[in-house]
């Protein structure tokens, strides 16, 4: 009987996740101007474990397809500038055991 290798890094653990993405995002940055003028650290790009948020010169890009649905962005944005909703039924993250 062989011992199976356990996932040890974040990247290896994220490999165990699968996503069924909707065509419409369940995450919305309410105002890019708030990100640009009031949030110099772009904190959502740091606290999101799935790295969904990426700052692109003058706007925030949201890669909702890889969202882990943890809700961090609901409470983590100091300006309450992110609207988070559950994905439409049958869409979103699919967990696998590994």
N, C-alpha and C. Protein backbone atom coordinates (compact mmCIF):
# COMPACT_ATOMS: atom_id res chain seq x y z
N UNK A 1 0.85 -1.17 0.00
CA UNK A 1 0.00 0.00 0.00
C UNK A 1 0.89 1.23 0.00
N UNK A 2 0.74 2.10 -0.98
CA UNK A 2 1.60 3.27 -1.08
C UNK A 2 0.95 4.47 -0.38
N UNK A 3 1.79 5.29 0.20
CA UNK A 3 1.30 6.51 0.87
C UNK A 3 1.08 7.59 -0.18
N UNK A 4 -0.09 8.22 -0.13
CA UNK A 4 -0.37 9.31 -1.06
C UNK A 4 0.23 10.60 -0.52
N UNK A 5 0.73 11.42 -1.44
CA UNK A 5 1.32 12.70 -1.06
C UNK A 5 0.19 13.68 -0.72
N UNK A 6 0.29 14.35 0.42
CA UNK A 6 -0.68 15.34 0.84
C UNK A 6 -0.31 16.70 0.25
N UNK A 7 -1.33 17.51 -0.08
CA UNK A 7 -1.09 18.87 -0.57
C UNK A 7 -0.51 19.69 0.57
N UNK A 8 0.60 20.38 0.30
CA UNK A 8 1.25 21.13 1.37
C UNK A 8 1.35 22.62 1.10
N UNK A 9 1.30 23.03 -0.14
CA UNK A 9 1.38 24.46 -0.43
C UNK A 9 0.00 24.96 -0.83
N UNK A 10 -0.18 26.27 -0.76
CA UNK A 10 -1.45 26.88 -1.19
C UNK A 10 -1.76 26.50 -2.63
N UNK A 11 -0.75 26.56 -3.49
CA UNK A 11 -0.96 26.24 -4.89
C UNK A 11 -1.43 24.79 -5.06
N UNK A 12 -0.83 23.88 -4.31
CA UNK A 12 -1.24 22.47 -4.39
C UNK A 12 -2.66 22.29 -3.85
N UNK A 13 -2.99 22.99 -2.78
CA UNK A 13 -4.34 22.89 -2.23
C UNK A 13 -5.37 23.49 -3.19
N UNK A 14 -5.03 24.60 -3.84
CA UNK A 14 -5.96 25.21 -4.77
C UNK A 14 -6.19 24.32 -5.99
N UNK A 15 -5.23 23.46 -6.29
CA UNK A 15 -5.40 22.53 -7.41
C UNK A 15 -6.58 21.58 -7.17
N UNK A 16 -6.93 21.38 -5.90
CA UNK A 16 -8.03 20.49 -5.55
C UNK A 16 -9.39 21.13 -5.79
N UNK A 17 -9.41 22.41 -6.11
CA UNK A 17 -10.66 23.13 -6.33
C UNK A 17 -11.01 23.15 -7.81
N UNK A 18 -12.28 23.12 -8.08
CA UNK A 18 -12.78 23.27 -9.45
C UNK A 18 -13.85 24.34 -9.43
N UNK A 19 -14.05 24.98 -10.55
CA UNK A 19 -15.00 26.08 -10.63
C UNK A 19 -15.94 25.88 -11.80
N UNK A 20 -17.20 26.21 -11.58
CA UNK A 20 -18.18 26.25 -12.67
C UNK A 20 -18.61 27.71 -12.75
N UNK A 21 -17.93 28.47 -13.58
CA UNK A 21 -18.13 29.91 -13.65
C UNK A 21 -19.38 30.26 -14.43
N UNK A 22 -20.10 31.25 -13.91
CA UNK A 22 -21.24 31.82 -14.60
C UNK A 22 -20.70 32.80 -15.64
N UNK A 23 -21.53 33.26 -16.53
CA UNK A 23 -21.10 34.25 -17.51
C UNK A 23 -21.18 35.67 -16.94
N UNK A 24 -21.81 35.81 -15.77
CA UNK A 24 -21.96 37.11 -15.12
C UNK A 24 -21.31 37.06 -13.74
N UNK A 25 -20.53 38.08 -13.42
CA UNK A 25 -19.81 38.13 -12.16
C UNK A 25 -20.75 38.31 -10.96
N UNK A 26 -20.40 37.65 -9.87
CA UNK A 26 -21.11 37.85 -8.61
C UNK A 26 -20.35 38.84 -7.70
N UNK A 27 -19.23 39.35 -8.20
CA UNK A 27 -18.40 40.32 -7.48
C UNK A 27 -18.37 41.62 -8.28
N UNK A 28 -18.56 42.73 -7.59
CA UNK A 28 -18.58 44.02 -8.29
C UNK A 28 -17.84 45.08 -7.49
N UNK A 29 -16.87 45.74 -8.12
CA UNK A 29 -16.25 46.92 -7.53
C UNK A 29 -17.19 48.07 -7.85
N UNK A 30 -17.69 48.72 -6.82
CA UNK A 30 -18.71 49.74 -7.01
C UNK A 30 -18.18 50.99 -7.69
N UNK A 31 -16.94 51.39 -7.36
CA UNK A 31 -16.36 52.58 -7.97
C UNK A 31 -14.85 52.44 -8.10
N UNK A 32 -14.36 52.43 -9.33
CA UNK A 32 -12.91 52.39 -9.55
C UNK A 32 -12.25 53.66 -9.02
N UNK A 33 -13.00 54.77 -8.99
CA UNK A 33 -12.45 56.02 -8.46
C UNK A 33 -12.09 55.89 -6.99
N UNK A 34 -12.88 55.16 -6.23
CA UNK A 34 -12.57 54.94 -4.81
C UNK A 34 -11.25 54.20 -4.69
N UNK A 35 -11.07 53.17 -5.49
CA UNK A 35 -9.81 52.40 -5.48
C UNK A 35 -8.63 53.32 -5.85
N UNK A 36 -8.84 54.12 -6.86
CA UNK A 36 -7.79 54.98 -7.38
C UNK A 36 -7.41 56.09 -6.41
N UNK A 37 -8.38 56.74 -5.81
CA UNK A 37 -8.10 57.95 -5.02
C UNK A 37 -8.06 57.73 -3.51
N UNK A 38 -8.75 56.70 -3.00
CA UNK A 38 -8.85 56.54 -1.55
C UNK A 38 -8.15 55.31 -1.00
N UNK A 39 -7.67 54.45 -1.86
CA UNK A 39 -7.09 53.19 -1.39
C UNK A 39 -5.71 52.97 -2.00
N UNK A 40 -4.70 53.65 -1.45
CA UNK A 40 -3.36 53.55 -2.04
C UNK A 40 -2.75 52.14 -1.96
N UNK A 41 -3.16 51.35 -0.97
CA UNK A 41 -2.57 50.01 -0.80
C UNK A 41 -3.29 48.92 -1.58
N UNK A 42 -4.47 49.24 -2.14
CA UNK A 42 -5.26 48.24 -2.89
C UNK A 42 -5.33 46.94 -2.09
N UNK A 43 -5.81 47.06 -0.85
CA UNK A 43 -5.77 45.98 0.13
C UNK A 43 -6.45 44.69 -0.34
N UNK A 44 -7.47 44.80 -1.21
CA UNK A 44 -8.15 43.59 -1.69
C UNK A 44 -7.21 42.71 -2.50
N UNK A 45 -6.20 43.29 -3.11
CA UNK A 45 -5.23 42.50 -3.87
C UNK A 45 -4.34 41.70 -2.94
N UNK A 46 -4.38 42.02 -1.64
CA UNK A 46 -3.55 41.33 -0.66
C UNK A 46 -4.35 40.28 0.11
N UNK A 47 -5.56 40.63 0.59
CA UNK A 47 -6.28 39.71 1.47
C UNK A 47 -7.05 38.61 0.76
N UNK A 48 -7.31 38.73 -0.53
CA UNK A 48 -8.07 37.70 -1.23
C UNK A 48 -7.19 36.46 -1.44
N UNK A 49 -7.56 35.33 -0.85
CA UNK A 49 -6.72 34.13 -0.98
C UNK A 49 -6.67 33.57 -2.41
N UNK A 50 -7.67 33.91 -3.22
CA UNK A 50 -7.71 33.41 -4.60
C UNK A 50 -7.09 34.39 -5.58
N UNK A 51 -6.61 35.52 -5.09
CA UNK A 51 -6.01 36.56 -5.93
C UNK A 51 -6.96 36.97 -7.05
N UNK A 52 -8.22 37.16 -6.70
CA UNK A 52 -9.26 37.54 -7.66
C UNK A 52 -9.09 38.98 -8.12
N UNK A 53 -8.61 39.84 -7.23
CA UNK A 53 -8.51 41.28 -7.53
C UNK A 53 -7.10 41.64 -8.00
N UNK A 54 -7.03 42.32 -9.14
CA UNK A 54 -5.76 42.78 -9.72
C UNK A 54 -5.91 44.23 -10.14
N UNK A 55 -5.00 45.08 -9.68
CA UNK A 55 -5.03 46.49 -10.05
C UNK A 55 -4.38 46.65 -11.41
N UNK A 56 -5.08 47.29 -12.35
CA UNK A 56 -4.57 47.51 -13.70
C UNK A 56 -4.57 49.01 -14.01
N UNK A 57 -3.54 49.69 -13.63
CA UNK A 57 -3.30 51.12 -13.88
C UNK A 57 -4.36 52.06 -13.31
N UNK A 58 -5.59 52.01 -13.80
CA UNK A 58 -6.62 52.94 -13.31
C UNK A 58 -7.92 52.23 -12.90
N UNK A 59 -7.92 50.91 -12.90
CA UNK A 59 -9.13 50.20 -12.51
C UNK A 59 -8.79 48.86 -11.87
N UNK A 60 -9.75 48.32 -11.17
CA UNK A 60 -9.59 47.02 -10.53
C UNK A 60 -10.20 45.96 -11.45
N UNK A 61 -9.39 44.98 -11.82
CA UNK A 61 -9.88 43.85 -12.60
C UNK A 61 -10.33 42.78 -11.60
N UNK A 62 -11.49 42.20 -11.84
CA UNK A 62 -12.04 41.17 -10.96
C UNK A 62 -12.15 39.85 -11.73
N UNK A 63 -11.32 38.89 -11.38
CA UNK A 63 -11.35 37.57 -12.01
C UNK A 63 -12.27 36.65 -11.21
N UNK A 64 -13.56 36.92 -11.25
CA UNK A 64 -14.55 36.23 -10.43
C UNK A 64 -14.59 34.72 -10.65
N UNK A 65 -14.11 34.26 -11.79
CA UNK A 65 -14.18 32.84 -12.12
C UNK A 65 -13.43 31.96 -11.12
N UNK A 66 -12.42 32.51 -10.46
CA UNK A 66 -11.63 31.73 -9.51
C UNK A 66 -11.95 32.03 -8.06
N UNK A 67 -13.07 32.69 -7.79
CA UNK A 67 -13.45 33.08 -6.43
C UNK A 67 -13.69 31.85 -5.56
N UNK A 68 -13.15 31.86 -4.34
CA UNK A 68 -13.33 30.76 -3.39
C UNK A 68 -14.60 30.92 -2.56
N UNK A 69 -15.31 32.03 -2.75
CA UNK A 69 -16.54 32.32 -2.02
C UNK A 69 -16.33 32.37 -0.51
N UNK A 70 -15.19 32.85 -0.09
CA UNK A 70 -14.89 32.94 1.35
C UNK A 70 -15.52 34.17 2.00
N UNK A 71 -15.85 35.18 1.19
CA UNK A 71 -16.48 36.38 1.72
C UNK A 71 -15.51 37.40 2.28
N UNK A 72 -14.21 37.18 2.13
CA UNK A 72 -13.22 38.13 2.65
C UNK A 72 -13.45 39.54 2.13
N UNK A 73 -13.80 39.65 0.86
CA UNK A 73 -13.97 40.98 0.27
C UNK A 73 -15.20 41.69 0.82
N UNK A 74 -16.18 40.95 1.33
CA UNK A 74 -17.36 41.57 1.94
C UNK A 74 -16.98 42.39 3.16
N UNK A 75 -16.02 41.88 3.91
CA UNK A 75 -15.65 42.55 5.16
C UNK A 75 -14.29 43.22 5.11
N UNK A 76 -13.46 42.88 4.13
CA UNK A 76 -12.09 43.37 4.10
C UNK A 76 -11.88 44.72 3.46
N UNK A 77 -12.76 45.13 2.56
CA UNK A 77 -12.58 46.42 1.90
C UNK A 77 -12.89 47.54 2.89
N UNK A 78 -11.90 48.38 3.21
CA UNK A 78 -12.13 49.44 4.21
C UNK A 78 -13.09 50.52 3.73
N UNK A 79 -13.41 50.54 2.45
CA UNK A 79 -14.30 51.56 1.89
C UNK A 79 -15.66 50.98 1.50
N UNK A 80 -15.89 49.70 1.82
CA UNK A 80 -17.13 49.01 1.46
C UNK A 80 -17.45 49.22 -0.02
N UNK A 81 -16.43 49.04 -0.84
CA UNK A 81 -16.51 49.31 -2.27
C UNK A 81 -16.67 48.04 -3.11
N UNK A 82 -16.83 46.90 -2.45
CA UNK A 82 -17.00 45.64 -3.17
C UNK A 82 -18.36 45.05 -2.81
N UNK A 83 -19.15 44.75 -3.82
CA UNK A 83 -20.43 44.09 -3.61
C UNK A 83 -20.22 42.61 -3.90
N UNK A 84 -20.50 41.77 -2.91
CA UNK A 84 -20.33 40.33 -3.02
C UNK A 84 -21.69 39.68 -2.90
N UNK A 85 -21.99 38.78 -3.83
CA UNK A 85 -23.22 38.00 -3.78
C UNK A 85 -22.85 36.54 -4.02
N UNK A 86 -23.71 35.65 -3.60
CA UNK A 86 -23.47 34.25 -3.94
C UNK A 86 -23.64 34.07 -5.45
N UNK A 87 -22.85 33.21 -6.06
CA UNK A 87 -23.04 32.93 -7.48
C UNK A 87 -24.42 32.32 -7.71
N UNK A 88 -24.92 32.46 -8.91
CA UNK A 88 -26.20 31.88 -9.29
C UNK A 88 -26.16 30.37 -9.03
N UNK A 89 -27.27 29.80 -8.67
CA UNK A 89 -27.37 28.38 -8.36
C UNK A 89 -26.69 27.49 -9.39
N UNK A 90 -25.90 26.53 -8.90
CA UNK A 90 -25.21 25.61 -9.78
C UNK A 90 -23.87 26.11 -10.28
N UNK A 91 -23.51 27.34 -9.91
CA UNK A 91 -22.24 27.93 -10.34
C UNK A 91 -21.36 28.22 -9.12
N UNK A 92 -20.10 28.47 -9.38
CA UNK A 92 -19.17 28.82 -8.32
C UNK A 92 -18.17 27.70 -8.06
N UNK A 93 -17.69 27.67 -6.84
CA UNK A 93 -16.63 26.74 -6.48
C UNK A 93 -17.19 25.33 -6.26
N UNK A 94 -16.40 24.33 -6.64
CA UNK A 94 -16.75 22.93 -6.43
C UNK A 94 -15.58 22.32 -5.68
N UNK A 95 -15.81 21.84 -4.46
CA UNK A 95 -14.73 21.27 -3.66
C UNK A 95 -14.58 19.78 -3.96
N UNK A 96 -13.34 19.33 -3.98
CA UNK A 96 -13.03 17.92 -4.14
C UNK A 96 -12.20 17.51 -2.95
N UNK A 97 -12.29 16.28 -2.58
CA UNK A 97 -11.42 15.75 -1.53
C UNK A 97 -10.15 15.27 -2.18
N UNK A 98 -9.03 15.49 -1.51
CA UNK A 98 -7.78 15.08 -2.11
C UNK A 98 -6.75 14.75 -1.10
